[in-house]
C-alpha atoms as a PDB file:
ATOM      1  CA  MET A   1       0.000   0.000   0.000  1.00  0.00           C
ATOM      2  CA  MET A   2       1.345   3.430  -0.890  1.00  0.00           C
ATOM      3  CA  VAL A   3      -0.479   6.549   0.253  1.00  0.00           C
ATOM      4  CA  SER A   4       0.621  10.147   0.761  1.00  0.00           C
ATOM      5  CA  GLU A   5       4.130  10.317   2.133  1.00  0.00           C
ATOM      6  CA  TYR A   6       3.659  13.541   4.063  1.00  0.00           C
ATOM      7  CA  THR A   7       0.609  13.996   6.236  1.00  0.00           C
ATOM      8  CA  TYR A   8      -0.435  17.061   8.161  1.00  0.00           C
ATOM      9  CA  CYS A   9      -3.961  17.922   9.312  1.00  0.00           C
ATOM     10  CA  PRO A  10      -3.752  21.092  11.399  1.00  0.00           C
ATOM     11  CA  GLN A  11      -7.507  21.666  11.446  1.00  0.00           C
ATOM     12  CA  THR A  12      -8.354  18.147  12.623  1.00  0.00           C
ATOM     13  CA  ASP A  13      -8.594  17.429  16.354  1.00  0.00           C
ATOM     14  CA  PHE A  14      -8.138  13.688  15.801  1.00  0.00           C
ATOM     15  CA  PHE A  15      -6.237  11.960  13.031  1.00  0.00           C
ATOM     16  CA  ILE A  16      -5.014   8.380  12.712  1.00  0.00           C
ATOM     17  CA  GLU A  17      -3.308   6.669   9.789  1.00  0.00           C
ATOM     18  CA  ARG A  18      -1.493   3.447   9.005  1.00  0.00           C
ATOM     19  CA  LEU A  19       1.220   3.613   6.371  1.00  0.00           C
ATOM     20  CA  ASP A  20       3.205   0.700   4.874  1.00  0.00           C
ATOM     21  CA  ARG A  21       6.258   1.473   2.742  1.00  0.00           C
ATOM     22  CA  ASN A  22       8.158  -0.910   0.514  1.00  0.00           C
ATOM     23  CA  ASN A  23      11.419   1.022   0.782  1.00  0.00           C
ATOM     24  CA  GLY A  24      13.133   3.811   2.682  1.00  0.00           C
ATOM     25  CA  PHE A  25      11.669   7.286   3.046  1.00  0.00           C
ATOM     26  CA  ASP A  26      12.914  10.466   4.730  1.00  0.00           C
ATOM     27  CA  MET A  27      10.427  13.155   5.740  1.00  0.00           C
ATOM     28  CA  PRO A  28      11.188  16.174   3.524  1.00  0.00           C
ATOM     29  CA  SER A  29      11.135  18.681   6.392  1.00  0.00           C
ATOM     30  CA  PHE A  30      10.553  19.175  10.089  1.00  0.00           C
ATOM     31  CA  HIS A  31       7.070  18.655  11.442  1.00  0.00           C
ATOM     32  CA  ILE A  32       5.451  20.632  14.260  1.00  0.00           C
ATOM     33  CA  HIS A  33       1.879  21.074  15.454  1.00  0.00           C
ATOM     34  CA  HIS A  34      -0.311  22.056  18.398  1.00  0.00           C
ATOM     35  CA  LYS A  35      -1.133  18.427  18.977  1.00  0.00           C
ATOM     36  CA  PHE A  36       0.179  15.368  20.726  1.00  0.00           C
ATOM     37  CA  GLU A  37       1.454  12.475  18.658  1.00  0.00           C
ATOM     38  CA  ILE A  38       1.656   8.739  19.251  1.00  0.00           C
ATOM     39  CA  TYR A  39       3.758   6.846  16.727  1.00  0.00           C
ATOM     40  CA  TYR A  40       3.860   3.046  16.726  1.00  0.00           C
ATOM     41  CA  GLU A  41       6.430   1.181  14.633  1.00  0.00           C
ATOM     42  CA  ILE A  42       4.802  -2.014  13.366  1.00  0.00           C
ATOM     43  CA  ALA A  43       7.733  -3.274  11.279  1.00  0.00           C
ATOM     44  CA  GLY A  44      11.161  -2.048  10.280  1.00  0.00           C
ATOM     45  CA  THR A  45      13.502   0.450  11.911  1.00  0.00           C
ATOM     46  CA  ARG A  46      13.459   4.249  11.698  1.00  0.00           C
ATOM     47  CA  ARG A  47      15.485   7.112  13.062  1.00  0.00           C
ATOM     48  CA  TYR A  48      13.317   9.660  14.841  1.00  0.00           C
ATOM     49  CA  PHE A  49      14.497  13.197  15.546  1.00  0.00           C
ATOM     50  CA  ILE A  50      12.666  15.032  18.360  1.00  0.00           C
ATOM     51  CA  GLU A  51      13.697  18.493  19.512  1.00  0.00           C
ATOM     52  CA  ASP A  52      17.495  18.187  19.948  1.00  0.00           C
ATOM     53  CA  SER A  53      17.734  14.390  20.228  1.00  0.00           C
ATOM     54  CA  ALA A  54      17.754  11.449  17.819  1.00  0.00           C
ATOM     55  CA  TYR A  55      16.359   7.978  18.546  1.00  0.00           C
ATOM     56  CA  ILE A  56      16.509   4.562  16.917  1.00  0.00           C
ATOM     57  CA  VAL A  57      12.938   3.250  16.685  1.00  0.00           C
ATOM     58  CA  ASN A  58      12.594  -0.500  16.210  1.00  0.00           C
ATOM     59  CA  ALA A  59       9.472  -2.570  15.552  1.00  0.00           C
ATOM     60  CA  GLY A  60       7.268  -2.652  18.650  1.00  0.00           C
ATOM     61  CA  SER A  61       8.490   0.728  19.923  1.00  0.00           C
ATOM     62  CA  VAL A  62       6.249   3.695  20.657  1.00  0.00           C
ATOM     63  CA  VAL A  63       7.270   7.330  20.145  1.00  0.00           C
ATOM     64  CA  LEU A  64       5.505  10.007  22.197  1.00  0.00           C
ATOM     65  CA  ILE A  65       5.573  13.666  21.170  1.00  0.00           C
ATOM     66  CA  GLY A  66       4.136  16.643  23.028  1.00  0.00           C
ATOM     67  CA  GLU A  67       2.506  19.804  21.739  1.00  0.00           C
ATOM     68  CA  ASN A  68       4.795  22.013  19.650  1.00  0.00           C
ATOM     69  CA  GLN A  69       7.729  19.603  19.774  1.00  0.00           C
ATOM     70  CA  ILE A  70       9.624  19.618  16.504  1.00  0.00           C
ATOM     71  CA  HIS A  71      10.168  16.208  14.938  1.00  0.00           C
ATOM     72  CA  LYS A  72      11.090  14.329  11.807  1.00  0.00           C
ATOM     73  CA  THR A  73      11.624  10.690  10.813  1.00  0.00           C
ATOM     74  CA  ALA A  74      14.182   9.188   8.465  1.00  0.00           C
ATOM     75  CA  SER A  75      15.123   5.786   7.114  1.00  0.00           C
ATOM     76  CA  LEU A  76      17.886   3.525   8.250  1.00  0.00           C
ATOM     77  CA  GLY A  77      18.792   1.875   4.976  1.00  0.00           C
ATOM     78  CA  ASP A  78      16.218   1.118   2.302  1.00  0.00           C
ATOM     79  CA  SER A  79      14.193  -1.629   3.973  1.00  0.00           C
ATOM     80  CA  PRO A  80      10.373  -1.812   4.224  1.00  0.00           C
ATOM     81  CA  SER A  81       8.600  -0.325   7.227  1.00  0.00           C
ATOM     82  CA  SER A  82       5.092   0.041   8.634  1.00  0.00           C
ATOM     83  CA  ARG A  83       3.730   2.424  11.233  1.00  0.00           C
ATOM     84  CA  ILE A  84       0.580   3.864  12.760  1.00  0.00           C
ATOM     85  CA  VAL A  85       0.571   7.559  13.642  1.00  0.00           C
ATOM     86  CA  LEU A  86      -2.055   9.247  15.789  1.00  0.00           C
ATOM     87  CA  ASN A  87      -2.420  13.018  16.287  1.00  0.00           C
ATOM     88  CA  PHE A  88      -4.917  14.541  18.700  1.00  0.00           C
ATOM     89  CA  SER A  89      -5.532  17.877  20.369  1.00  0.00           C
ATOM     90  CA  ARG A  90      -5.939  18.499  24.076  1.00  0.00           C
ATOM     91  CA  GLU A  91      -9.467  19.701  23.322  1.00  0.00           C
ATOM     92  CA  TYR A  92     -10.400  16.379  21.715  1.00  0.00           C
ATOM     93  CA  LEU A  93     -10.235  14.666  25.123  1.00  0.00           C
ATOM     94  CA  GLU A  94     -11.858  17.556  26.979  1.00  0.00           C
ATOM     95  CA  LYS A  95     -14.964  15.597  28.011  1.00  0.00           C
ATOM     96  CA  VAL A  96     -12.973  12.627  29.274  1.00  0.00           C
ATOM     97  CA  ALA A  97     -10.380  14.785  31.028  1.00  0.00           C
ATOM     98  CA  SER A  98     -12.997  16.990  32.694  1.00  0.00           C
ATOM     99  CA  ALA A  99     -14.761  13.897  34.043  1.00  0.00           C
ATOM    100  CA  PHE A 100     -11.535  13.000  35.880  1.00  0.00           C
ATOM    101  CA  PRO A 101     -10.018  16.357  36.909  1.00  0.00           C
ATOM    102  CA  GLU A 102      -7.561  14.696  39.278  1.00  0.00           C
ATOM    103  CA  VAL A 103      -6.004  12.635  36.456  1.00  0.00           C
ATOM    104  CA  ASP A 104      -3.240  14.096  34.269  1.00  0.00           C
ATOM    105  CA  PHE A 105      -3.677  12.608  30.799  1.00  0.00           C
ATOM    106  CA  PHE A 106      -1.129  14.744  28.961  1.00  0.00           C
ATOM    107  CA  SER A 107       2.055  15.971  30.650  1.00  0.00           C
ATOM    108  CA  PHE A 108       3.940  12.656  30.404  1.00  0.00           C
ATOM    109  CA  LEU A 109       3.797  12.943  26.602  1.00  0.00           C
ATOM    110  CA  THR A 110       5.998  16.034  26.668  1.00  0.00           C
ATOM    111  CA  GLU A 111       8.698  14.792  29.049  1.00  0.00           C
ATOM    112  CA  GLU A 112      12.013  14.193  27.299  1.00  0.00           C
ATOM    113  CA  HIS A 113      12.719  10.881  29.019  1.00  0.00           C
ATOM    114  CA  ASN A 114       9.409   9.487  27.712  1.00  0.00           C
ATOM    115  CA  HIS A 115       9.910  10.155  23.998  1.00  0.00           C
ATOM    116  CA  LEU A 116      10.763   6.528  23.246  1.00  0.00           C
ATOM    117  CA  LEU A 117       9.010   3.522  24.789  1.00  0.00           C
ATOM    118  CA  SER A 118      11.249   0.638  23.783  1.00  0.00           C
ATOM    119  CA  THR A 119      11.304  -1.720  26.756  1.00  0.00           C
ATOM    120  CA  ILE A 120       7.751  -3.045  26.551  1.00  0.00           C
ATOM    121  CA  SER A 121       6.902  -6.728  26.216  1.00  0.00           C
ATOM    122  CA  VAL A 122       5.561  -8.332  23.046  1.00  0.00           C
ATOM    123  CA  LYS A 123       2.228  -8.806  24.789  1.00  0.00           C
ATOM    124  CA  GLN A 124       2.089  -5.086  25.584  1.00  0.00           C
ATOM    125  CA  GLN A 125       3.133  -4.216  22.031  1.00  0.00           C
ATOM    126  CA  ASN A 126       0.294  -6.304  20.613  1.00  0.00           C
ATOM    127  CA  HIS A 127      -2.180  -4.722  23.025  1.00  0.00           C
ATOM    128  CA  ILE A 128      -1.137  -1.203  21.975  1.00  0.00           C
ATOM    129  CA  GLN A 129      -1.336  -2.103  18.287  1.00  0.00           C
ATOM    130  CA  ASN A 130      -4.777  -3.647  18.781  1.00  0.00           C
ATOM    131  CA  MET A 131      -6.085  -0.466  20.418  1.00  0.00           C
ATOM    132  CA  LEU A 132      -4.712   1.640  17.579  1.00  0.00           C
ATOM    133  CA  GLN A 133      -6.223  -0.741  15.024  1.00  0.00           C
ATOM    134  CA  ARG A 134      -9.611  -0.422  16.743  1.00  0.00           C
ATOM    135  CA  MET A 135      -9.399   3.355  16.434  1.00  0.00           C
ATOM    136  CA  LEU A 136      -8.410   2.957  12.781  1.00  0.00           C
ATOM    137  CA  SER A 137     -11.434   0.745  12.154  1.00  0.00           C
ATOM    138  CA  LEU A 138     -13.708   3.543  13.411  1.00  0.00           C
ATOM    139  CA  GLU A 139     -12.412   6.049  10.840  1.00  0.00           C
ATOM    140  CA  GLY A 140     -15.205   7.339   8.652  1.00  0.00           C
ATOM    141  CA  ASP A 141     -17.924   6.357  11.128  1.00  0.00           C
ATOM    142  CA  THR A 142     -19.481   9.615  12.314  1.00  0.00           C
ATOM    143  CA  SER A 143     -22.041   8.135  14.699  1.00  0.00           C
ATOM    144  CA  LYS A 144     -22.086   9.420  18.281  1.00  0.00           C
ATOM    145  CA  GLU A 145     -21.432   5.906  19.526  1.00  0.00           C
ATOM    146  CA  SER A 146     -18.283   5.529  17.426  1.00  0.00           C
ATOM    147  CA  GLU A 147     -17.058   8.956  18.494  1.00  0.00           C
ATOM    148  CA  ALA A 148     -17.561   8.013  22.144  1.00  0.00           C
ATOM    149  CA  MET A 149     -15.750   4.711  21.653  1.00  0.00           C
ATOM    150  CA  ARG A 150     -12.808   6.377  19.897  1.00  0.00           C
ATOM    151  CA  THR A 151     -12.505   9.000  22.628  1.00  0.00           C
ATOM    152  CA  MET A 152     -12.610   6.452  25.435  1.00  0.00           C
ATOM    153  CA  LEU A 153     -10.135   4.196  23.636  1.00  0.00           C
ATOM    154  CA  LEU A 154      -7.717   7.118  23.346  1.00  0.00           C
ATOM    155  CA  GLY A 155      -8.109   8.027  27.016  1.00  0.00           C
ATOM    156  CA  THR A 156      -7.482   4.418  28.033  1.00  0.00           C
ATOM    157  CA  LEU A 157      -4.459   4.152  25.741  1.00  0.00           C
ATOM    158  CA  LEU A 158      -2.939   7.307  27.234  1.00  0.00           C
ATOM    159  CA  LEU A 159      -3.270   6.026  30.794  1.00  0.00           C
ATOM    160  CA  GLU A 160      -1.711   2.693  29.819  1.00  0.00           C
ATOM    161  CA  LEU A 161       1.181   4.416  28.025  1.00  0.00           C
ATOM    162  CA  LYS A 162       1.679   6.672  31.051  1.00  0.00           C
ATOM    163  CA  GLU A 163       2.049   3.616  33.249  1.00  0.00           C
ATOM    164  CA  LEU A 164       4.469   1.984  30.791  1.00  0.00           C
ATOM    165  CA  CYS A 165       6.584   5.159  30.866  1.00  0.00           C
ATOM    166  CA  ARG A 166       6.670   4.978  34.658  1.00  0.00           C
ATOM    167  CA  GLN A 167       7.738   1.338  34.538  1.00  0.00           C
ATOM    168  CA  GLN A 168      10.435   2.093  31.962  1.00  0.00           C
ATOM    169  CA  GLN A 169      11.875   4.796  34.198  1.00  0.00           C
ATOM    170  CA  GLU A 170      11.988   2.344  37.097  1.00  0.00           C
ATOM    171  CA  GLN A 171      13.889  -0.091  34.872  1.00  0.00           C
ATOM    172  CA  GLY A 172      16.586   2.440  34.002  1.00  0.00           C
ATOM    173  CA  GLY A 173      15.021   4.729  31.413  1.00  0.00           C
ATOM    174  CA  GLU A 174      14.690   4.734  27.661  1.00  0.00           C
ATOM    175  CA  LYS A 175      17.080   2.961  25.326  1.00  0.00           C
ATOM    176  CA  GLY A 176      17.895   3.886  21.757  1.00  0.00           C
ATOM    177  CA  ARG A 177      18.860   7.517  22.153  1.00  0.00           C
ATOM    178  CA  VAL A 178      21.705   8.564  19.868  1.00  0.00           C
ATOM    179  CA  SER A 179      24.152  11.169  21.101  1.00  0.00           C
ATOM    180  CA  ASN A 180      27.476  12.751  20.192  1.00  0.00           C
ATOM    181  CA  HIS A 181      29.323  15.206  22.431  1.00  0.00           C
ATOM    182  CA  ILE A 182      30.362  17.581  19.632  1.00  0.00           C
ATOM    183  CA  VAL A 183      26.885  17.537  18.090  1.00  0.00           C
ATOM    184  CA  ASP A 184      25.366  18.299  21.504  1.00  0.00           C
ATOM    185  CA  GLN A 185      27.631  21.355  21.783  1.00  0.00           C
ATOM    186  CA  ILE A 186      26.783  22.504  18.261  1.00  0.00           C
ATOM    187  CA  GLN A 187      23.059  22.205  18.986  1.00  0.00           C
ATOM    188  CA  ALA A 188      23.504  24.301  22.135  1.00  0.00           C
ATOM    189  CA  TYR A 189      25.426  26.908  20.106  1.00  0.00           C
ATOM    190  CA  ILE A 190      22.650  27.089  17.506  1.00  0.00           C
ATOM    191  CA  ALA A 191      20.039  27.486  20.253  1.00  0.00           C
ATOM    192  CA  GLN A 192      21.909  30.594  21.460  1.00  0.00           C
ATOM    193  CA  HIS A 193      22.713  32.105  18.054  1.00  0.00           C
ATOM    194  CA  TYR A 194      19.835  31.095  15.722  1.00  0.00           C
ATOM    195  CA  ALA A 195      18.812  34.737  15.174  1.00  0.00           C
ATOM    196  CA  GLU A 196      22.245  35.514  13.731  1.00  0.00           C
ATOM    197  CA  LYS A 197      23.676  34.620  10.340  1.00  0.00           C
ATOM    198  CA  LEU A 198      24.816  30.999  10.628  1.00  0.00           C
ATOM    199  CA  THR A 199      26.829  29.099   8.029  1.00  0.00           C
ATOM    200  CA  LEU A 200      28.441  25.688   7.880  1.00  0.00           C
ATOM    201  CA  THR A 201      31.878  27.293   7.591  1.00  0.00           C
ATOM    202  CA  GLY A 202      31.272  29.697  10.457  1.00  0.00           C
ATOM    203  CA  ILE A 203      30.034  27.038  12.867  1.00  0.00           C
ATOM    204  CA  ALA A 204      32.863  24.665  11.900  1.00  0.00           C
ATOM    205  CA  LYS A 205      35.341  27.442  12.689  1.00  0.00           C
ATOM    206  CA  GLN A 206      33.783  27.932  16.133  1.00  0.00           C
ATOM    207  CA  PHE A 207      34.441  24.276  16.958  1.00  0.00           C
ATOM    208  CA  TYR A 208      37.850  23.972  15.239  1.00  0.00           C
ATOM    209  CA  ILE A 209      36.681  21.301  12.809  1.00  0.00           C
ATOM    210  CA  SER A 210      36.417  21.238   9.023  1.00  0.00           C
ATOM    211  CA  PRO A 211      33.081  22.059   7.338  1.00  0.00           C
ATOM    212  CA  TYR A 212      33.190  18.670   5.622  1.00  0.00           C
ATOM    213  CA  TYR A 213      33.637  16.834   8.922  1.00  0.00           C
ATOM    214  CA  LEU A 214      30.895  18.895  10.580  1.00  0.00           C
ATOM    215  CA  SER A 215      28.480  18.207   7.748  1.00  0.00           C
ATOM    216  CA  ARG A 216      29.095  14.435   7.826  1.00  0.00           C
ATOM    217  CA  LEU A 217      29.071  14.229  11.637  1.00  0.00           C
ATOM    218  CA  PHE A 218      25.825  16.165  11.996  1.00  0.00           C
ATOM    219  CA  LYS A 219      24.059  14.160   9.307  1.00  0.00           C
ATOM    220  CA  LYS A 220      25.257  10.859  10.743  1.00  0.00           C
ATOM    221  CA  SER A 221      24.171  11.765  14.282  1.00  0.00           C
ATOM    222  CA  THR A 222      20.781  13.293  13.523  1.00  0.00           C
ATOM    223  CA  ASN A 223      19.851  12.298   9.959  1.00  0.00           C
ATOM    224  CA  LEU A 224      19.437  16.021   9.352  1.00  0.00           C
ATOM    225  CA  THR A 225      21.562  18.450   7.425  1.00  0.00           C
ATOM    226  CA  LEU A 226      22.870  21.361   9.455  1.00  0.00           C
ATOM    227  CA  ILE A 227      20.596  23.813   7.617  1.00  0.00           C
ATOM    228  CA  GLU A 228      17.550  21.605   8.236  1.00  0.00           C
ATOM    229  CA  TYR A 229      18.304  21.674  11.937  1.00  0.00           C
ATOM    230  CA  ILE A 230      18.917  25.443  12.025  1.00  0.00           C
ATOM    231  CA  ASN A 231      15.683  26.088  10.138  1.00  0.00           C
ATOM    232  CA  GLY A 232      13.816  23.879  12.600  1.00  0.00           C
ATOM    233  CA  VAL A 233      15.093  25.859  15.581  1.00  0.00           C
ATOM    234  CA  ARG A 234      14.211  29.115  13.829  1.00  0.00           C
ATOM    235  CA  ILE A 235      10.709  27.966  12.896  1.00  0.00           C
ATOM    236  CA  LYS A 236       9.965  27.000  16.475  1.00  0.00           C
ATOM    237  CA  ALA A 237      11.103  30.441  17.646  1.00  0.00           C
ATOM    238  CA  ALA A 238       8.989  32.028  14.909  1.00  0.00           C
ATOM    239  CA  GLN A 239       5.915  30.114  16.018  1.00  0.00           C
ATOM    240  CA  ASN A 240       6.387  31.428  19.524  1.00  0.00           C
ATOM    241  CA  LEU A 241       6.618  35.017  18.249  1.00  0.00           C
ATOM    242  CA  ILE A 242       3.594  34.632  15.979  1.00  0.00           C
ATOM    243  CA  GLU A 243       1.547  33.243  18.870  1.00  0.00           C
ATOM    244  CA  LYS A 244       2.625  35.728  21.527  1.00  0.00           C
ATOM    245  CA  SER A 245       3.204  38.988  19.679  1.00  0.00           C
ATOM    246  CA  GLY A 246       1.500  41.191  17.131  1.00  0.00           C
ATOM    247  CA  GLU A 247       4.678  41.683  15.136  1.00  0.00           C
ATOM    248  CA  SER A 248       4.454  41.524  11.370  1.00  0.00           C
ATOM    249  CA  ILE A 249       5.547  38.410   9.507  1.00  0.00           C
ATOM    250  CA  THR A 250       8.518  40.354   8.125  1.00  0.00           C
ATOM    251  CA  GLU A 251       9.583  41.327  11.655  1.00  0.00           C
ATOM    252  CA  VAL A 252       9.217  37.741  12.847  1.00  0.00           C
ATOM    253  CA  ALA A 253      11.359  36.510   9.958  1.00  0.00           C
ATOM    254  CA  GLY A 254      14.102  39.008  10.746  1.00  0.00           C
ATOM    255  CA  LYS A 255      14.124  38.260  14.478  1.00  0.00           C
ATOM    256  CA  THR A 256      14.476  34.515  13.915  1.00  0.00           C
ATOM    257  CA  GLY A 257      17.420  34.616  11.528  1.00  0.00           C
ATOM    258  CA  PHE A 258      15.755  34.492   8.115  1.00  0.00           C
ATOM    259  CA  MET A 259      17.359  36.943   5.725  1.00  0.00           C
ATOM    260  CA  ALA A 260      14.401  37.015   3.304  1.00  0.00           C
ATOM    261  CA  THR A 261      10.698  36.994   4.190  1.00  0.00           C
ATOM    262  CA  ALA A 262       9.814  34.925   1.113  1.00  0.00           C
ATOM    263  CA  HIS A 263      12.272  32.231   2.172  1.00  0.00           C
ATOM    264  CA  PHE A 264      10.835  32.311   5.698  1.00  0.00           C
ATOM    265  CA  ARG A 265       7.291  31.873   4.390  1.00  0.00           C
ATOM    266  CA  ARG A 266       8.344  28.892   2.287  1.00  0.00           C
ATOM    267  CA  VAL A 267      10.256  27.133   5.086  1.00  0.00           C
ATOM    268  CA  PHE A 268       7.483  27.853   7.594  1.00  0.00           C
ATOM    269  CA  LYS A 269       4.820  26.327   5.354  1.00  0.00           C
ATOM    270  CA  ASP A 270       6.976  23.260   4.682  1.00  0.00           C
ATOM    271  CA  ALA A 271       7.331  22.727   8.434  1.00  0.00           C
ATOM    272  CA  THR A 272       3.801  23.460   9.642  1.00  0.00           C
ATOM    273  CA  GLY A 273       1.522  22.956   6.641  1.00  0.00           C
ATOM    274  CA  LEU A 274       0.337  26.564   6.951  1.00  0.00           C
ATOM    275  CA  SER A 275       1.620  29.955   5.878  1.00  0.00           C
ATOM    276  CA  PRO A 276       2.703  32.208   8.775  1.00  0.00           C
ATOM    277  CA  GLN A 277      -0.511  34.246   8.428  1.00  0.00           C
ATOM    278  CA  GLN A 278      -2.691  31.128   8.284  1.00  0.00           C
ATOM    279  CA  TYR A 279      -0.876  29.820  11.343  1.00  0.00           C
ATOM    280  CA  ARG A 280      -1.616  33.046  13.259  1.00  0.00           C
ATOM    281  CA  GLN A 281      -5.300  32.820  12.342  1.00  0.00           C
ATOM    282  CA  TYR A 282      -5.447  29.126  13.248  1.00  0.00           C
ATOM    283  CA  TYR A 283      -3.733  29.687  16.591  1.00  0.00           C
ATOM    284  CA  LYS A 284      -6.182  32.455  17.471  1.00  0.00           C
ATOM    285  CA  ARG A 285      -9.116  30.208  16.566  1.00  0.00           C
ATOM    286  CA  VAL A 286      -8.047  27.225  18.656  1.00  0.00           C
ATOM    287  CA  ASN A 287      -7.184  29.396  21.655  1.00  0.00           C
ATOM    288  CA  LYS A 288     -10.381  31.405  21.865  1.00  0.00           C
END
């Protein structure tokens, strides 16, 4: 089965999709949204980049992503893979969450040490996949009963994943995180200087390494080019400005390191699925 390779539904409070690929595929750009994400790897192995960390995601692993956390997946080799991805807004579970005000359904999804659930048993893996498949089977059914079932299934899944995260922490934490000391330092440098003019040569000079070595090292460690990573950091900063200020799109572009507004608009839309102006309007609508 081959369907669209890049999916983004910013106006949808609940979205679930299964995708099977016959060969490798790298997401063309960063991905970010005002939604939580649950990603289940059915078969194959992927590299998953979340915020400033990279993870190896094997079959049976679950990836958890919080609101506004930048992420991207990439292939390891050219082998087949299958996954289920689920996006949902905080508002989608409002009725369930309000019925249990003492229960926190969401915050564990955002915690860095919970991004990768990789130490769960085969029985638990099958149970998670079955719940996701049940939600998939309800797609297209608009009856009130199906909507209630889907909502309650999601609430139950979240509580079970929360408990699995707690158990994983007790067992020593997540496995599969990829790190490199130099890359960590470079990422910290970019976080401090993203609003300035940044180049491969300039950053390499800061760390006393060759541009060629920096380019290869960064790509190997994160599956991202240096410019992809820099643009991701800048887009996240731009989102924050668009949400919290009334500054013009041109001003936002300049303050987040983009030399040309047209380039900023193009990169922003690639990352979010919306133009900067559409994003501002959408953010206002969902936060009324």
